[in-house]
Amino acid sequence: ESEVFEYEVVSWMLTYKEIRAAGQLHALGKLTTIVCLESKVSYSGLTAKYEDSFLDKVFIWIFCRKLAEAAGVKGPQAATYDNFVDLSFNLLRQQSAQDQRQSVVELLKSLLPPTLPFLIRRIIPPAKWAAEMNANVTVEVFSWMVGPCERIPVPNATSDTTSGVAPQASTKAALKIKRCRYLQESGCVGMCVNMCKLPTQDFFTNEFGLPLHMKPNYEDLSCEMVFNELAPSEDLDEALQQPCFTTCASRSSKAAEAAVCHKVILPVDAHAD
């Protein structure tokens, strides 16, 4: 049976992990909902457990090592998801938004043979089956990072693709991430945008020639990934117009009243605080 309880956030220094730990203790391991009264941002199901497989742990170790290299710090001895999130925060604090984005793109590129993206762009057109193939591979390879996800028909298909042909509603070239593990564990809008959404879109669009539009939902922490659909320009993308979560560990007093997360930098800006 679920329990619902509330916390009045009285300090910007109260971190997401502290809120989560308090919630788990209060609920005695039951499914929990925490309502942050000040921001009206809700988190539900915070006591969900992830049992990482051996292969999951291998991926976590690889990404921890790559993030540590990008941040110029020593990698953790244990390859845990918490360490992966901590290293992400380390990079978030050290680098500008644009540098974070580029660091993640370079990380993803480093996982592939150097000539593979070129061959894929030359051999595989951005067609229906290619989009479905990438959706299927993403489910298998990145579930450890984002949590359970499934292929779904393309929602609200448009003709805004490089091929000029609209994907049909029956095309399962989209993914539904039920509740993003990365966003849940970090509780950070900036990390979602700078270190997941934008670099992943860049990677698939520029390296593979296959447009990708990621649509995070900051209310229920779900996300849709639609392959063969161009993302909107950054100044029009709603995902870049979100305020900080009250419980974000990177939130500053300066960002308390800001309409947009201070770690999300629009093209007209220069660097994060």
Protein backbone atom coordinates (compact mmCIF):
# COMPACT_ATOMS: atom_id res chain seq x y z
CA GLU A 1 0.00 0.00 0.00
CA SER A 2 1.33 3.41 -0.93
CA GLU A 3 1.93 6.22 1.50
CA VAL A 4 1.93 9.93 0.79
CA PHE A 5 3.68 12.48 2.94
CA GLU A 6 4.97 16.01 2.54
CA TYR A 7 8.12 17.99 3.26
CA GLU A 8 8.38 21.76 3.44
CA VAL A 9 11.73 22.53 1.85
CA VAL A 10 13.35 25.10 4.11
CA SER A 11 16.91 25.06 2.82
CA TRP A 12 18.37 25.09 -0.67
CA MET A 13 21.19 22.96 0.71
CA LEU A 14 18.83 20.05 1.32
CA THR A 15 19.80 17.60 -1.40
CA TYR A 16 17.69 15.22 -3.40
CA LYS A 17 19.41 12.21 -1.85
CA GLU A 18 18.63 13.49 1.66
CA ILE A 19 14.97 13.92 0.75
CA ARG A 20 14.91 10.44 -0.77
CA ALA A 21 16.59 8.83 2.25
CA ALA A 22 14.13 10.49 4.60
CA GLY A 23 11.27 9.27 2.46
CA GLN A 24 12.51 5.70 2.43
CA LEU A 25 12.93 5.70 6.20
CA HIS A 26 9.48 7.18 6.73
CA ALA A 27 7.77 4.72 4.40
CA LEU A 28 9.68 1.70 5.71
CA GLY A 29 10.44 0.57 2.21
CA LYS A 30 6.95 1.05 0.81
CA LEU A 31 6.12 2.86 -2.40
CA THR A 32 6.45 6.49 -1.56
CA THR A 33 5.32 9.83 -2.86
CA ILE A 34 7.12 12.98 -1.80
CA VAL A 35 5.52 16.34 -2.50
CA CYS A 36 7.87 19.31 -2.31
CA LEU A 37 5.41 21.99 -1.31
CA GLU A 38 7.47 24.95 -2.43
CA SER A 39 8.02 23.88 -6.00
CA LYS A 40 4.98 21.63 -6.40
CA VAL A 41 7.21 19.06 -8.06
CA SER A 42 6.23 15.52 -7.16
CA TYR A 43 8.31 12.37 -7.09
CA SER A 44 6.59 9.02 -6.76
CA GLY A 45 7.95 5.50 -6.43
CA LEU A 46 11.28 6.66 -5.01
CA THR A 47 11.89 3.35 -3.26
CA ALA A 48 12.07 1.45 -6.56
CA LYS A 49 15.08 -0.85 -6.58
CA TYR A 50 17.29 -1.61 -9.56
CA GLU A 51 19.11 -4.92 -9.72
CA ASP A 52 21.98 -4.28 -12.10
CA SER A 53 23.12 -7.32 -14.05
CA PHE A 54 26.77 -8.14 -14.66
CA LEU A 55 26.54 -6.49 -18.10
CA ASP A 56 24.88 -3.43 -16.56
CA LYS A 57 27.77 -3.12 -14.13
CA VAL A 58 30.24 -3.36 -17.01
CA PHE A 59 28.52 -0.43 -18.75
CA ILE A 60 28.44 1.52 -15.47
CA TRP A 61 32.17 0.92 -14.98
CA ILE A 62 32.93 2.07 -18.55
CA PHE A 63 30.87 5.24 -18.19
CA CYS A 64 32.32 5.99 -14.73
CA ARG A 65 35.85 5.69 -16.14
CA LYS A 66 35.03 7.92 -19.12
CA LEU A 67 33.34 10.58 -16.97
CA ALA A 68 36.26 10.57 -14.54
CA GLU A 69 38.66 11.14 -17.44
CA ALA A 70 36.53 14.02 -18.74
CA ALA A 71 36.39 15.60 -15.29
CA GLY A 72 40.11 15.05 -14.65
CA VAL A 73 39.51 13.07 -11.47
CA LYS A 74 40.36 9.59 -10.27
CA GLY A 75 37.70 7.04 -11.11
CA PRO A 76 35.85 5.26 -8.29
CA GLN A 77 36.95 1.79 -7.24
CA ALA A 78 33.39 0.49 -7.23
CA ALA A 79 31.25 0.70 -10.36
CA THR A 80 27.94 1.69 -8.82
CA TYR A 81 25.12 3.80 -10.21
CA ASP A 82 25.49 6.24 -7.32
CA ASN A 83 29.13 6.78 -8.30
CA PHE A 84 28.04 7.32 -11.91
CA VAL A 85 25.60 10.04 -10.77
CA ASP A 86 28.24 11.62 -8.50
CA LEU A 87 30.71 11.81 -11.38
CA SER A 88 28.02 13.40 -13.52
CA PHE A 89 27.53 16.08 -10.88
CA ASN A 90 31.30 16.56 -10.77
CA LEU A 91 31.33 17.28 -14.51
CA LEU A 92 28.27 19.51 -14.16
CA ARG A 93 30.08 21.69 -11.61
CA GLN A 94 33.40 21.83 -13.48
CA GLN A 95 32.38 22.48 -17.08
CA SER A 96 30.19 24.90 -18.99
CA ALA A 97 26.97 23.58 -20.48
CA GLN A 98 28.49 23.40 -23.96
CA ASP A 99 31.57 21.56 -22.65
CA GLN A 100 29.38 19.05 -20.77
CA ARG A 101 27.46 18.42 -23.96
CA GLN A 102 30.63 17.91 -26.00
CA SER A 103 32.19 15.68 -23.33
CA VAL A 104 29.22 13.30 -23.49
CA VAL A 105 29.25 13.27 -27.30
CA GLU A 106 32.95 12.37 -27.23
CA LEU A 107 32.24 9.69 -24.62
CA LEU A 108 29.60 8.09 -26.84
CA LYS A 109 31.86 8.31 -29.90
CA SER A 110 34.67 6.62 -27.99
CA LEU A 111 32.49 3.53 -27.51
CA LEU A 112 32.38 2.87 -31.26
CA PRO A 113 34.99 1.85 -33.83
CA PRO A 114 36.14 5.09 -35.53
CA THR A 115 34.82 4.19 -38.99
CA LEU A 116 31.44 2.80 -37.90
CA PRO A 117 29.43 6.06 -37.93
CA PHE A 118 30.75 6.89 -41.42
CA LEU A 119 29.81 3.45 -42.74
CA ILE A 120 26.35 3.66 -41.19
CA ARG A 121 25.72 7.08 -42.76
CA ARG A 122 26.83 5.78 -46.17
CA ILE A 123 25.06 2.42 -46.09
CA ILE A 124 21.95 2.90 -43.98
CA PRO A 125 19.47 5.63 -45.01
CA PRO A 126 17.30 7.34 -42.35
CA ALA A 127 14.36 5.09 -43.24
CA LYS A 128 11.66 3.37 -41.20
CA TRP A 129 13.60 0.17 -40.58
CA ALA A 130 16.76 2.07 -39.60
CA ALA A 131 14.82 4.09 -37.02
CA GLU A 132 13.25 0.90 -35.65
CA MET A 133 16.66 -0.78 -35.49
CA ASN A 134 18.16 2.09 -33.50
CA ALA A 135 15.19 2.10 -31.14
CA ASN A 136 15.65 -1.61 -30.54
CA VAL A 137 19.40 -1.31 -29.94
CA THR A 138 18.86 1.59 -27.53
CA VAL A 139 16.47 -0.51 -25.44
CA GLU A 140 19.06 -3.27 -25.15
CA VAL A 141 22.13 -1.11 -24.53
CA PHE A 142 20.94 1.83 -22.40
CA SER A 143 18.24 0.42 -20.12
CA TRP A 144 20.81 0.29 -17.32
CA MET A 145 21.05 4.09 -17.47
CA VAL A 146 17.44 5.14 -17.94
CA GLY A 147 15.50 2.25 -16.45
CA PRO A 148 12.72 0.18 -18.02
CA CYS A 149 11.69 1.30 -21.49
CA GLU A 150 9.74 -0.08 -24.41
CA ARG A 151 9.33 0.54 -28.10
CA ILE A 152 6.14 2.35 -29.02
CA PRO A 153 4.53 3.61 -32.24
CA VAL A 154 5.72 7.04 -33.29
CA PRO A 155 3.44 9.60 -31.57
CA ASN A 156 2.10 12.51 -33.64
CA ALA A 157 4.17 11.59 -36.69
CA THR A 158 5.24 14.55 -38.83
CA SER A 159 7.02 14.95 -42.15
CA ASP A 160 9.95 16.74 -40.50
CA THR A 161 12.54 14.06 -41.33
CA THR A 162 15.63 14.02 -43.46
CA SER A 163 13.94 11.63 -45.87
CA GLY A 164 10.94 13.92 -46.25
CA VAL A 165 8.60 10.99 -45.58
CA ALA A 166 6.52 10.97 -42.43
CA PRO A 167 6.94 7.87 -40.27
CA GLN A 168 3.63 6.04 -39.98
CA ALA A 169 1.83 5.57 -36.68
CA SER A 170 2.55 1.83 -36.87
CA THR A 171 6.30 2.43 -36.96
CA LYS A 172 7.82 1.47 -33.63
CA ALA A 173 10.65 3.96 -33.98
CA ALA A 174 10.07 5.59 -30.61
CA LEU A 175 10.90 4.60 -27.04
CA LYS A 176 8.93 5.25 -23.91
CA ILE A 177 11.12 5.47 -20.82
CA LYS A 178 8.64 4.84 -18.06
CA ARG A 179 10.56 6.65 -15.35
CA CYS A 180 14.06 7.81 -16.15
CA ARG A 181 16.51 6.39 -13.65
CA TYR A 182 19.09 9.08 -14.44
CA LEU A 183 16.65 11.92 -13.83
CA GLN A 184 15.22 10.27 -10.73
CA GLU A 185 18.60 9.62 -9.12
CA SER A 186 20.06 13.02 -9.99
CA GLY A 187 16.95 15.15 -9.56
CA CYS A 188 18.65 17.67 -11.85
CA VAL A 189 17.11 19.34 -14.91
CA GLY A 190 20.51 20.63 -16.04
CA MET A 191 22.04 17.18 -15.98
CA CYS A 192 19.11 15.77 -17.94
CA VAL A 193 19.45 18.45 -20.64
CA ASN A 194 23.23 18.95 -20.83
CA MET A 195 24.40 15.38 -20.26
CA CYS A 196 21.63 13.28 -21.74
CA LYS A 197 19.06 14.93 -24.00
CA LEU A 198 21.15 17.34 -26.09
CA PRO A 199 24.32 15.24 -26.51
CA THR A 200 22.33 12.11 -27.33
CA GLN A 201 20.36 14.02 -29.96
CA ASP A 202 23.63 15.40 -31.34
CA PHE A 203 25.21 11.96 -31.40
CA PHE A 204 22.49 10.18 -33.37
CA THR A 205 21.79 13.13 -35.68
CA ASN A 206 25.38 14.05 -36.52
CA GLU A 207 27.22 10.73 -36.20
CA PHE A 208 24.62 8.36 -37.66
CA GLY A 209 22.65 10.80 -39.78
CA LEU A 210 19.46 9.76 -38.00
CA PRO A 211 17.53 12.60 -36.32
CA LEU A 212 16.42 12.03 -32.74
CA HIS A 213 14.04 14.05 -30.59
CA MET A 214 14.06 13.38 -26.84
CA LYS A 215 11.06 14.63 -24.86
CA PRO A 216 11.56 14.44 -21.08
CA ASN A 217 8.54 14.89 -18.84
CA TYR A 218 9.62 16.63 -15.64
CA GLU A 219 6.37 15.91 -13.85
CA ASP A 220 6.38 12.12 -13.94
CA LEU A 221 10.08 11.71 -14.96
CA SER A 222 9.18 9.74 -18.07
CA CYS A 223 10.72 10.42 -21.47
CA GLU A 224 10.04 9.72 -25.12
CA MET A 225 12.79 9.17 -27.67
CA VAL A 226 11.53 9.54 -31.24
CA PHE A 227 13.94 8.47 -33.96
CA ASN A 228 13.83 10.05 -37.43
CA GLU A 229 12.23 13.18 -35.98
CA LEU A 230 14.14 16.44 -35.85
CA ALA A 231 14.28 18.11 -32.44
CA PRO A 232 13.05 21.73 -32.31
CA SER A 233 15.57 24.54 -32.18
CA GLU A 234 16.93 24.98 -28.68
CA ASP A 235 15.27 28.36 -28.15
CA LEU A 236 11.89 26.72 -28.81
CA ASP A 237 12.46 23.41 -27.02
CA GLU A 238 10.20 23.21 -23.94
CA ALA A 239 12.64 20.84 -22.23
CA LEU A 240 15.14 23.72 -22.00
CA GLN A 241 12.63 26.05 -20.37
CA GLN A 242 12.22 24.21 -17.07
CA PRO A 243 13.09 25.57 -13.60
CA CYS A 244 15.31 23.71 -11.14
CA PHE A 245 13.83 20.99 -9.01
CA THR A 246 13.69 22.23 -5.44
CA THR A 247 15.62 19.17 -4.29
CA CYS A 248 18.45 19.47 -6.84
CA ALA A 249 21.90 19.22 -5.27
CA SER A 250 23.31 21.77 -7.73
CA ARG A 251 20.63 24.38 -7.01
CA SER A 252 21.93 27.70 -5.72
CA SER A 253 20.19 30.53 -3.91
CA LYS A 254 20.67 32.60 -7.06
CA ALA A 255 18.57 30.09 -8.99
CA ALA A 256 15.77 29.96 -6.42
CA GLU A 257 13.46 32.28 -8.31
CA ALA A 258 14.77 31.66 -11.82
CA ALA A 259 12.23 30.60 -14.42
CA VAL A 260 14.78 28.31 -16.10
CA CYS A 261 17.33 25.97 -14.51
CA HIS A 262 20.57 27.93 -14.15
CA LYS A 263 22.56 24.99 -15.53
CA VAL A 264 20.64 24.98 -18.80
CA ILE A 265 22.26 27.48 -21.14
CA LEU A 266 20.37 28.66 -24.18
CA PRO A 267 22.33 29.56 -27.35
CA VAL A 268 22.33 33.28 -26.54
CA ASP A 269 24.10 32.65 -23.23
CA ALA A 270 27.69 31.84 -22.53
CA HIS A 271 28.47 29.72 -19.48
CA ALA A 272 26.76 28.11 -16.53
CA ASP A 273 27.12 29.59 -13.06
